[in-house]
PDB file of N, CA and C in Angstrom:
ATOM      1  N   MET A   1     -45.738  -5.081  18.221  1.00  0.00           N
ATOM      2  CA  MET A   1     -44.314  -5.220  18.269  1.00  0.00           C
ATOM      3  C   MET A   1     -43.592  -3.887  18.483  1.00  0.00           C
ATOM      4  N   PRO A   2     -44.187  -2.765  18.157  1.00  0.00           N
ATOM      5  CA  PRO A   2     -43.492  -1.497  18.407  1.00  0.00           C
ATOM      6  C   PRO A   2     -43.087  -1.313  19.874  1.00  0.00           C
ATOM      7  N   ALA A   3     -43.922  -1.773  20.799  1.00  0.00           N
ATOM      8  CA  ALA A   3     -43.588  -1.643  22.224  1.00  0.00           C
ATOM      9  C   ALA A   3     -42.361  -2.478  22.562  1.00  0.00           C
ATOM     10  N   ALA A   4     -42.276  -3.688  22.021  1.00  0.00           N
ATOM     11  CA  ALA A   4     -41.116  -4.545  22.274  1.00  0.00           C
ATOM     12  C   ALA A   4     -39.855  -3.923  21.684  1.00  0.00           C
ATOM     13  N   LYS A   5     -39.959  -3.413  20.481  1.00  0.00           N
ATOM     14  CA  LYS A   5     -38.799  -2.795  19.850  1.00  0.00           C
ATOM     15  C   LYS A   5     -38.308  -1.602  20.659  1.00  0.00           C
ATOM     16  N   SER A   6     -39.231  -0.851  21.205  1.00  0.00           N
ATOM     17  CA  SER A   6     -38.861   0.293  22.030  1.00  0.00           C
ATOM     18  C   SER A   6     -38.233  -0.158  23.352  1.00  0.00           C
ATOM     19  N   ALA A   7     -38.837  -1.165  23.984  1.00  0.00           N
ATOM     20  CA  ALA A   7     -38.352  -1.644  25.284  1.00  0.00           C
ATOM     21  C   ALA A   7     -36.966  -2.273  25.180  1.00  0.00           C
ATOM     22  N   PHE A   8     -36.673  -2.925  24.063  1.00  0.00           N
ATOM     23  CA  PHE A   8     -35.408  -3.633  23.911  1.00  0.00           C
ATOM     24  C   PHE A   8     -34.469  -2.960  22.922  1.00  0.00           C
ATOM     25  N   ALA A   9     -34.660  -1.685  22.693  1.00  0.00           N
ATOM     26  CA  ALA A   9     -33.869  -0.948  21.699  1.00  0.00           C
ATOM     27  C   ALA A   9     -32.373  -0.977  22.003  1.00  0.00           C
ATOM     28  N   ASP A  10     -32.003  -1.035  23.264  1.00  0.00           N
ATOM     29  CA  ASP A  10     -30.591  -1.002  23.644  1.00  0.00           C
ATOM     30  C   ASP A  10     -29.898  -2.364  23.565  1.00  0.00           C
ATOM     31  N   LEU A  11     -30.663  -3.428  23.378  1.00  0.00           N
ATOM     32  CA  LEU A  11     -30.064  -4.761  23.316  1.00  0.00           C
ATOM     33  C   LEU A  11     -29.498  -5.034  21.926  1.00  0.00           C
ATOM     34  N   LYS A  12     -28.250  -5.366  21.884  1.00  0.00           N
ATOM     35  CA  LYS A  12     -27.612  -5.680  20.616  1.00  0.00           C
ATOM     36  C   LYS A  12     -27.887  -7.138  20.264  1.00  0.00           C
ATOM     37  N   GLY A  13     -28.061  -7.417  18.985  1.00  0.00           N
ATOM     38  CA  GLY A  13     -28.267  -8.782  18.526  1.00  0.00           C
ATOM     39  C   GLY A  13     -29.700  -9.270  18.585  1.00  0.00           C
ATOM     40  N   VAL A  14     -30.638  -8.415  18.990  1.00  0.00           N
ATOM     41  CA  VAL A  14     -32.043  -8.812  19.017  1.00  0.00           C
ATOM     42  C   VAL A  14     -32.629  -8.571  17.632  1.00  0.00           C
ATOM     43  N   THR A  15     -33.276  -9.598  17.088  1.00  0.00           N
ATOM     44  CA  THR A  15     -33.930  -9.453  15.796  1.00  0.00           C
ATOM     45  C   THR A  15     -35.418  -9.740  15.963  1.00  0.00           C
ATOM     46  N   TYR A  16     -36.213  -9.261  15.046  1.00  0.00           N
ATOM     47  CA  TYR A  16     -37.666  -9.398  15.101  1.00  0.00           C
ATOM     48  C   TYR A  16     -38.152 -10.068  13.825  1.00  0.00           C
ATOM     49  N   ALA A  17     -39.192 -10.868  13.976  1.00  0.00           N
ATOM     50  CA  ALA A  17     -39.774 -11.570  12.825  1.00  0.00           C
ATOM     51  C   ALA A  17     -41.189 -11.063  12.599  1.00  0.00           C
ATOM     52  N   ASP A  18     -41.660 -11.227  11.368  1.00  0.00           N
ATOM     53  CA  ASP A  18     -43.006 -10.775  11.019  1.00  0.00           C
ATOM     54  C   ASP A  18     -44.099 -11.723  11.499  1.00  0.00           C
ATOM     55  N   SER A  19     -43.723 -12.974  11.827  1.00  0.00           N
ATOM     56  CA  SER A  19     -44.713 -13.951  12.293  1.00  0.00           C
ATOM     57  C   SER A  19     -44.010 -14.993  13.151  1.00  0.00           C
ATOM     58  N   PRO A  20     -44.766 -15.759  13.927  1.00  0.00           N
ATOM     59  CA  PRO A  20     -44.138 -16.831  14.710  1.00  0.00           C
ATOM     60  C   PRO A  20     -43.395 -17.841  13.828  1.00  0.00           C
ATOM     61  N   LEU A  21     -43.963 -18.214  12.685  1.00  0.00           N
ATOM     62  CA  LEU A  21     -43.270 -19.156  11.802  1.00  0.00           C
ATOM     63  C   LEU A  21     -42.005 -18.552  11.216  1.00  0.00           C
ATOM     64  N   ALA A  22     -42.053 -17.290  10.864  1.00  0.00           N
ATOM     65  CA  ALA A  22     -40.862 -16.632  10.320  1.00  0.00           C
ATOM     66  C   ALA A  22     -39.729 -16.603  11.346  1.00  0.00           C
ATOM     67  N   ALA A  23     -40.081 -16.562  12.619  1.00  0.00           N
ATOM     68  CA  ALA A  23     -39.068 -16.561  13.679  1.00  0.00           C
ATOM     69  C   ALA A  23     -38.312 -17.884  13.735  1.00  0.00           C
ATOM     70  N   LEU A  24     -38.890 -18.938  13.184  1.00  0.00           N
ATOM     71  CA  LEU A  24     -38.256 -20.261  13.204  1.00  0.00           C
ATOM     72  C   LEU A  24     -37.268 -20.484  12.066  1.00  0.00           C
ATOM     73  N   ASP A  25     -37.282 -19.638  11.055  1.00  0.00           N
ATOM     74  CA  ASP A  25     -36.404 -19.838   9.895  1.00  0.00           C
ATOM     75  C   ASP A  25     -34.945 -19.956  10.318  1.00  0.00           C
ATOM     76  N   GLY A  26     -34.388 -21.149  10.144  1.00  0.00           N
ATOM     77  CA  GLY A  26     -32.986 -21.375  10.471  1.00  0.00           C
ATOM     78  C   GLY A  26     -32.699 -21.547  11.950  1.00  0.00           C
ATOM     79  N   ALA A  27     -33.721 -21.586  12.792  1.00  0.00           N
ATOM     80  CA  ALA A  27     -33.503 -21.750  14.238  1.00  0.00           C
ATOM     81  C   ALA A  27     -33.066 -23.174  14.542  1.00  0.00           C
ATOM     82  N   ASP A  28     -32.301 -23.343  15.596  1.00  0.00           N
ATOM     83  CA  ASP A  28     -31.842 -24.671  15.996  1.00  0.00           C
ATOM     84  C   ASP A  28     -32.956 -25.485  16.638  1.00  0.00           C
ATOM     85  N   ALA A  29     -33.894 -24.830  17.303  1.00  0.00           N
ATOM     86  CA  ALA A  29     -34.994 -25.523  17.983  1.00  0.00           C
ATOM     87  C   ALA A  29     -36.072 -24.505  18.325  1.00  0.00           C
ATOM     88  N   LEU A  30     -37.227 -25.024  18.753  1.00  0.00           N
ATOM     89  CA  LEU A  30     -38.328 -24.180  19.218  1.00  0.00           C
ATOM     90  C   LEU A  30     -38.509 -24.396  20.709  1.00  0.00           C
ATOM     91  N   ALA A  31     -38.567 -23.335  21.476  1.00  0.00           N
ATOM     92  CA  ALA A  31     -38.875 -23.398  22.904  1.00  0.00           C
ATOM     93  C   ALA A  31     -40.231 -22.736  23.125  1.00  0.00           C
ATOM     94  N   VAL A  32     -41.173 -23.495  23.654  1.00  0.00           N
ATOM     95  CA  VAL A  32     -42.516 -22.984  23.932  1.00  0.00           C
ATOM     96  C   VAL A  32     -42.564 -22.603  25.412  1.00  0.00           C
ATOM     97  N   VAL A  33     -42.805 -21.330  25.669  1.00  0.00           N
ATOM     98  CA  VAL A  33     -42.830 -20.855  27.060  1.00  0.00           C
ATOM     99  C   VAL A  33     -44.099 -20.066  27.369  1.00  0.00           C
ATOM    100  N   THR A  34     -45.115 -20.215  26.534  1.00  0.00           N
ATOM    101  CA  THR A  34     -46.370 -19.505  26.729  1.00  0.00           C
ATOM    102  C   THR A  34     -47.541 -20.428  26.435  1.00  0.00           C
ATOM    103  N   GLU A  35     -48.683 -20.111  26.994  1.00  0.00           N
ATOM    104  CA  GLU A  35     -49.909 -20.848  26.710  1.00  0.00           C
ATOM    105  C   GLU A  35     -50.853 -20.039  25.828  1.00  0.00           C
ATOM    106  N   TRP A  36     -50.344 -19.002  25.180  1.00  0.00           N
ATOM    107  CA  TRP A  36     -51.194 -18.154  24.349  1.00  0.00           C
ATOM    108  C   TRP A  36     -51.964 -18.997  23.347  1.00  0.00           C
ATOM    109  N   LYS A  37     -53.196 -18.628  23.132  1.00  0.00           N
ATOM    110  CA  LYS A  37     -54.103 -19.381  22.271  1.00  0.00           C
ATOM    111  C   LYS A  37     -53.538 -19.630  20.878  1.00  0.00           C
ATOM    112  N   GLU A  38     -52.866 -18.649  20.295  1.00  0.00           N
ATOM    113  CA  GLU A  38     -52.376 -18.796  18.917  1.00  0.00           C
ATOM    114  C   GLU A  38     -51.270 -19.852  18.779  1.00  0.00           C
ATOM    115  N   PHE A  39     -50.716 -20.334  19.898  1.00  0.00           N
ATOM    116  CA  PHE A  39     -49.672 -21.347  19.837  1.00  0.00           C
ATOM    117  C   PHE A  39     -50.178 -22.745  20.190  1.00  0.00           C
ATOM    118  N   ARG A  40     -51.457 -22.892  20.443  1.00  0.00           N
ATOM    119  CA  ARG A  40     -52.006 -24.186  20.871  1.00  0.00           C
ATOM    120  C   ARG A  40     -52.195 -25.185  19.747  1.00  0.00           C
ATOM    121  N   SER A  41     -52.418 -24.740  18.529  1.00  0.00           N
ATOM    122  CA  SER A  41     -52.655 -25.653  17.396  1.00  0.00           C
ATOM    123  C   SER A  41     -51.827 -25.239  16.181  1.00  0.00           C
ATOM    124  N   PRO A  42     -50.516 -25.310  16.286  1.00  0.00           N
ATOM    125  CA  PRO A  42     -49.685 -24.877  15.160  1.00  0.00           C
ATOM    126  C   PRO A  42     -49.632 -25.917  14.051  1.00  0.00           C
ATOM    127  N   ASP A  43     -49.070 -25.514  12.944  1.00  0.00           N
ATOM    128  CA  ASP A  43     -48.820 -26.400  11.811  1.00  0.00           C
ATOM    129  C   ASP A  43     -47.462 -27.070  12.054  1.00  0.00           C
ATOM    130  N   PHE A  44     -47.483 -28.282  12.583  1.00  0.00           N
ATOM    131  CA  PHE A  44     -46.243 -28.949  12.956  1.00  0.00           C
ATOM    132  C   PHE A  44     -45.345 -29.252  11.759  1.00  0.00           C
ATOM    133  N   GLN A  45     -45.929 -29.508  10.602  1.00  0.00           N
ATOM    134  CA  GLN A  45     -45.115 -29.748   9.408  1.00  0.00           C
ATOM    135  C   GLN A  45     -44.369 -28.480   8.999  1.00  0.00           C
ATOM    136  N   ALA A  46     -45.030 -27.329   9.109  1.00  0.00           N
ATOM    137  CA  ALA A  46     -44.366 -26.058   8.792  1.00  0.00           C
ATOM    138  C   ALA A  46     -43.258 -25.770   9.794  1.00  0.00           C
ATOM    139  N   ILE A  47     -43.494 -26.099  11.047  1.00  0.00           N
ATOM    140  CA  ILE A  47     -42.471 -25.917  12.079  1.00  0.00           C
ATOM    141  C   ILE A  47     -41.257 -26.780  11.741  1.00  0.00           C
ATOM    142  N   ARG A  48     -41.504 -28.047  11.453  1.00  0.00           N
ATOM    143  CA  ARG A  48     -40.408 -28.975  11.135  1.00  0.00           C
ATOM    144  C   ARG A  48     -39.613 -28.493   9.919  1.00  0.00           C
ATOM    145  N   ALA A  49     -40.294 -27.988   8.928  1.00  0.00           N
ATOM    146  CA  ALA A  49     -39.626 -27.538   7.709  1.00  0.00           C
ATOM    147  C   ALA A  49     -38.715 -26.334   7.941  1.00  0.00           C
ATOM    148  N   ARG A  50     -38.997 -25.523   8.924  1.00  0.00           N
ATOM    149  CA  ARG A  50     -38.227 -24.296   9.144  1.00  0.00           C
ATOM    150  C   ARG A  50     -37.055 -24.470  10.104  1.00  0.00           C
ATOM    151  N   LEU A  51     -37.133 -25.469  10.972  1.00  0.00           N
ATOM    152  CA  LEU A  51     -36.077 -25.660  11.964  1.00  0.00           C
ATOM    153  C   LEU A  51     -34.872 -26.392  11.385  1.00  0.00           C
ATOM    154  N   LYS A  52     -33.660 -26.013  11.813  1.00  0.00           N
ATOM    155  CA  LYS A  52     -32.458 -26.747  11.436  1.00  0.00           C
ATOM    156  C   LYS A  52     -32.512 -28.162  12.016  1.00  0.00           C
ATOM    157  N   THR A  53     -32.894 -28.249  13.264  1.00  0.00           N
ATOM    158  CA  THR A  53     -33.053 -29.519  13.974  1.00  0.00           C
ATOM    159  C   THR A  53     -34.513 -29.593  14.390  1.00  0.00           C
ATOM    160  N   PRO A  54     -35.206 -30.670  14.082  1.00  0.00           N
ATOM    161  CA  PRO A  54     -36.640 -30.741  14.395  1.00  0.00           C
ATOM    162  C   PRO A  54     -36.899 -31.011  15.878  1.00  0.00           C
ATOM    163  N   ALA A  55     -36.499 -30.075  16.741  1.00  0.00           N
ATOM    164  CA  ALA A  55     -36.629 -30.255  18.184  1.00  0.00           C
ATOM    165  C   ALA A  55     -37.523 -29.169  18.782  1.00  0.00           C
ATOM    166  N   VAL A  56     -38.450 -29.616  19.631  1.00  0.00           N
ATOM    167  CA  VAL A  56     -39.360 -28.697  20.316  1.00  0.00           C
ATOM    168  C   VAL A  56     -39.244 -28.941  21.815  1.00  0.00           C
ATOM    169  N   PHE A  57     -38.925 -27.887  22.561  1.00  0.00           N
ATOM    170  CA  PHE A  57     -38.872 -27.925  24.016  1.00  0.00           C
ATOM    171  C   PHE A  57     -40.125 -27.208  24.516  1.00  0.00           C
ATOM    172  N   ASP A  58     -41.010 -27.963  25.169  1.00  0.00           N
ATOM    173  CA  ASP A  58     -42.321 -27.439  25.558  1.00  0.00           C
ATOM    174  C   ASP A  58     -42.413 -27.261  27.069  1.00  0.00           C
ATOM    175  N   GLY A  59     -42.248 -26.035  27.511  1.00  0.00           N
ATOM    176  CA  GLY A  59     -42.337 -25.716  28.932  1.00  0.00           C
ATOM    177  C   GLY A  59     -43.756 -25.624  29.447  1.00  0.00           C
ATOM    178  N   ARG A  60     -44.750 -25.695  28.571  1.00  0.00           N
ATOM    179  CA  ARG A  60     -46.150 -25.563  28.975  1.00  0.00           C
ATOM    180  C   ARG A  60     -46.955 -26.849  28.735  1.00  0.00           C
ATOM    181  N   ASN A  61     -46.319 -27.876  28.169  1.00  0.00           N
ATOM    182  CA  ASN A  61     -46.997 -29.147  27.888  1.00  0.00           C
ATOM    183  C   ASN A  61     -48.275 -28.959  27.072  1.00  0.00           C
ATOM    184  N   LEU A  62     -48.153 -28.202  26.006  1.00  0.00           N
ATOM    185  CA  LEU A  62     -49.302 -27.909  25.147  1.00  0.00           C
ATOM    186  C   LEU A  62     -49.615 -29.023  24.159  1.00  0.00           C
ATOM    187  N   TYR A  63     -48.629 -29.834  23.811  1.00  0.00           N
ATOM    188  CA  TYR A  63     -48.798 -30.744  22.697  1.00  0.00           C
ATOM    189  C   TYR A  63     -48.778 -32.204  23.128  1.00  0.00           C
ATOM    190  N   ASP A  64     -49.408 -33.030  22.307  1.00  0.00           N
ATOM    191  CA  ASP A  64     -49.454 -34.461  22.538  1.00  0.00           C
ATOM    192  C   ASP A  64     -48.145 -35.085  22.048  1.00  0.00           C
ATOM    193  N   PRO A  65     -47.429 -35.803  22.908  1.00  0.00           N
ATOM    194  CA  PRO A  65     -46.147 -36.386  22.491  1.00  0.00           C
ATOM    195  C   PRO A  65     -46.256 -37.292  21.263  1.00  0.00           C
ATOM    196  N   GLU A  66     -47.315 -38.055  21.158  1.00  0.00           N
ATOM    197  CA  GLU A  66     -47.463 -38.942  20.003  1.00  0.00           C
ATOM    198  C   GLU A  66     -47.708 -38.153  18.713  1.00  0.00           C
ATOM    199  N   GLU A  67     -48.459 -37.072  18.802  1.00  0.00           N
ATOM    200  CA  GLU A  67     -48.683 -36.227  17.623  1.00  0.00           C
ATOM    201  C   GLU A  67     -47.370 -35.606  17.158  1.00  0.00           C
ATOM    202  N   MET A  68     -46.557 -35.195  18.099  1.00  0.00           N
ATOM    203  CA  MET A  68     -45.262 -34.601  17.759  1.00  0.00           C
ATOM    204  C   MET A  68     -44.366 -35.637  17.081  1.00  0.00           C
ATOM    205  N   LYS A  69     -44.399 -36.851  17.593  1.00  0.00           N
ATOM    206  CA  LYS A  69     -43.613 -37.932  17.005  1.00  0.00           C
ATOM    207  C   LYS A  69     -44.059 -38.210  15.571  1.00  0.00           C
ATOM    208  N   ARG A  70     -45.374 -38.265  15.352  1.00  0.00           N
ATOM    209  CA  ARG A  70     -45.899 -38.486  13.994  1.00  0.00           C
ATOM    210  C   ARG A  70     -45.503 -37.360  13.049  1.00  0.00           C
ATOM    211  N   ALA A  71     -45.351 -36.152  13.584  1.00  0.00           N
ATOM    212  CA  ALA A  71     -44.969 -34.999  12.764  1.00  0.00           C
ATOM    213  C   ALA A  71     -43.468 -34.980  12.478  1.00  0.00           C
ATOM    214  N   GLY A  72     -42.736 -35.932  13.048  1.00  0.00           N
ATOM    215  CA  GLY A  72     -41.299 -35.984  12.806  1.00  0.00           C
ATOM    216  C   GLY A  72     -40.503 -35.021  13.665  1.00  0.00           C
ATOM    217  N   LEU A  73     -41.070 -34.625  14.797  1.00  0.00           N
ATOM    218  CA  LEU A  73     -40.402 -33.687  15.688  1.00  0.00           C
ATOM    219  C   LEU A  73     -39.898 -34.403  16.939  1.00  0.00           C
ATOM    220  N   GLU A  74     -38.697 -34.046  17.369  1.00  0.00           N
ATOM    221  CA  GLU A  74     -38.224 -34.505  18.666  1.00  0.00           C
ATOM    222  C   GLU A  74     -38.873 -33.590  19.697  1.00  0.00           C
ATOM    223  N   TYR A  75     -39.574 -34.187  20.638  1.00  0.00           N
ATOM    224  CA  TYR A  75     -40.386 -33.413  21.580  1.00  0.00           C
ATOM    225  C   TYR A  75     -39.846 -33.597  22.982  1.00  0.00           C
ATOM    226  N   TYR A  76     -39.549 -32.490  23.632  1.00  0.00           N
ATOM    227  CA  TYR A  76     -39.020 -32.484  24.986  1.00  0.00           C
ATOM    228  C   TYR A  76     -39.968 -31.696  25.895  1.00  0.00           C
ATOM    229  N   PRO A  77     -40.998 -32.365  26.414  1.00  0.00           N
ATOM    230  CA  PRO A  77     -41.915 -31.682  27.323  1.00  0.00           C
ATOM    231  C   PRO A  77     -41.318 -31.649  28.726  1.00  0.00           C
ATOM    232  N   ILE A  78     -41.544 -30.582  29.421  1.00  0.00           N
ATOM    233  CA  ILE A  78     -41.036 -30.466  30.780  1.00  0.00           C
ATOM    234  C   ILE A  78     -41.978 -31.249  31.697  1.00  0.00           C
ATOM    235  N   GLY A  79     -41.450 -32.264  32.388  1.00  0.00           N
ATOM    236  CA  GLY A  79     -42.243 -33.044  33.327  1.00  0.00           C
ATOM    237  C   GLY A  79     -42.994 -34.215  32.734  1.00  0.00           C
ATOM    238  N   ARG A  80     -42.787 -34.507  31.428  1.00  0.00           N
ATOM    239  CA  ARG A  80     -43.409 -35.666  30.774  1.00  0.00           C
ATOM    240  C   ARG A  80     -42.340 -36.438  30.009  1.00  0.00           C
ATOM    241  N   ALA A  81     -42.687 -37.635  29.557  1.00  0.00           N
ATOM    242  CA  ALA A  81     -41.755 -38.462  28.787  1.00  0.00           C
ATOM    243  C   ALA A  81     -41.431 -37.815  27.445  1.00  0.00           C
ATOM    244  N   VAL A  82     -40.244 -38.066  26.963  1.00  0.00           N
ATOM    245  CA  VAL A  82     -39.760 -37.538  25.684  1.00  0.00           C
ATOM    246  C   VAL A  82     -40.301 -38.398  24.549  1.00  0.00           C
ATOM    247  N   ALA A  83     -40.704 -37.763  23.446  1.00  0.00           N
ATOM    248  CA  ALA A  83     -41.108 -38.479  22.232  1.00  0.00           C
ATOM    249  C   ALA A  83     -40.179 -38.081  21.111  1.00  0.00           C
ATOM    250  N   ARG A  84     -39.579 -39.076  20.466  1.00  0.00           N
ATOM    251  CA  ARG A  84     -38.663 -38.795  19.352  1.00  0.00           C
ATOM    252  C   ARG A  84     -39.183 -39.459  18.103  1.00  0.00           C
ATOM    253  N   SER A  85     -38.994 -38.782  16.992  1.00  0.00           N
ATOM    254  CA  SER A  85     -39.419 -39.366  15.712  1.00  0.00           C
ATOM    255  C   SER A  85     -38.492 -40.526  15.373  1.00  0.00           C
ATOM    256  N   SER A  86     -39.003 -41.434  14.558  1.00  0.00           N
ATOM    257  CA  SER A  86     -38.191 -42.586  14.163  1.00  0.00           C
ATOM    258  C   SER A  86     -37.455 -42.340  12.852  1.00  0.00           C
ATOM    259  N   GLY A  87     -37.585 -41.152  12.292  1.00  0.00           N
ATOM    260  CA  GLY A  87     -36.908 -40.914  11.016  1.00  0.00           C
ATOM    261  C   GLY A  87     -36.548 -39.547  10.800  1.00  0.00           C
TER     262      GLY A  87
END
């Protein structure tokens, strides 16, 4: 993260988190824009607990829509059908 902090030092309003889950604290939604291995099998319950709105926008189609629905997450995959939780 030191390289990112240095590269974006001039940008106002940029904040950094200690972990991917910590970055979700109080966020309105999660946008997935990478296929990095560490994001392929997240703890969906922990994600849901940290988001203000349980919404995930998946630009890489990493997750199964039915699994997301069971986890209580509104799932918006790019190029696939939307899965919404029933509760």
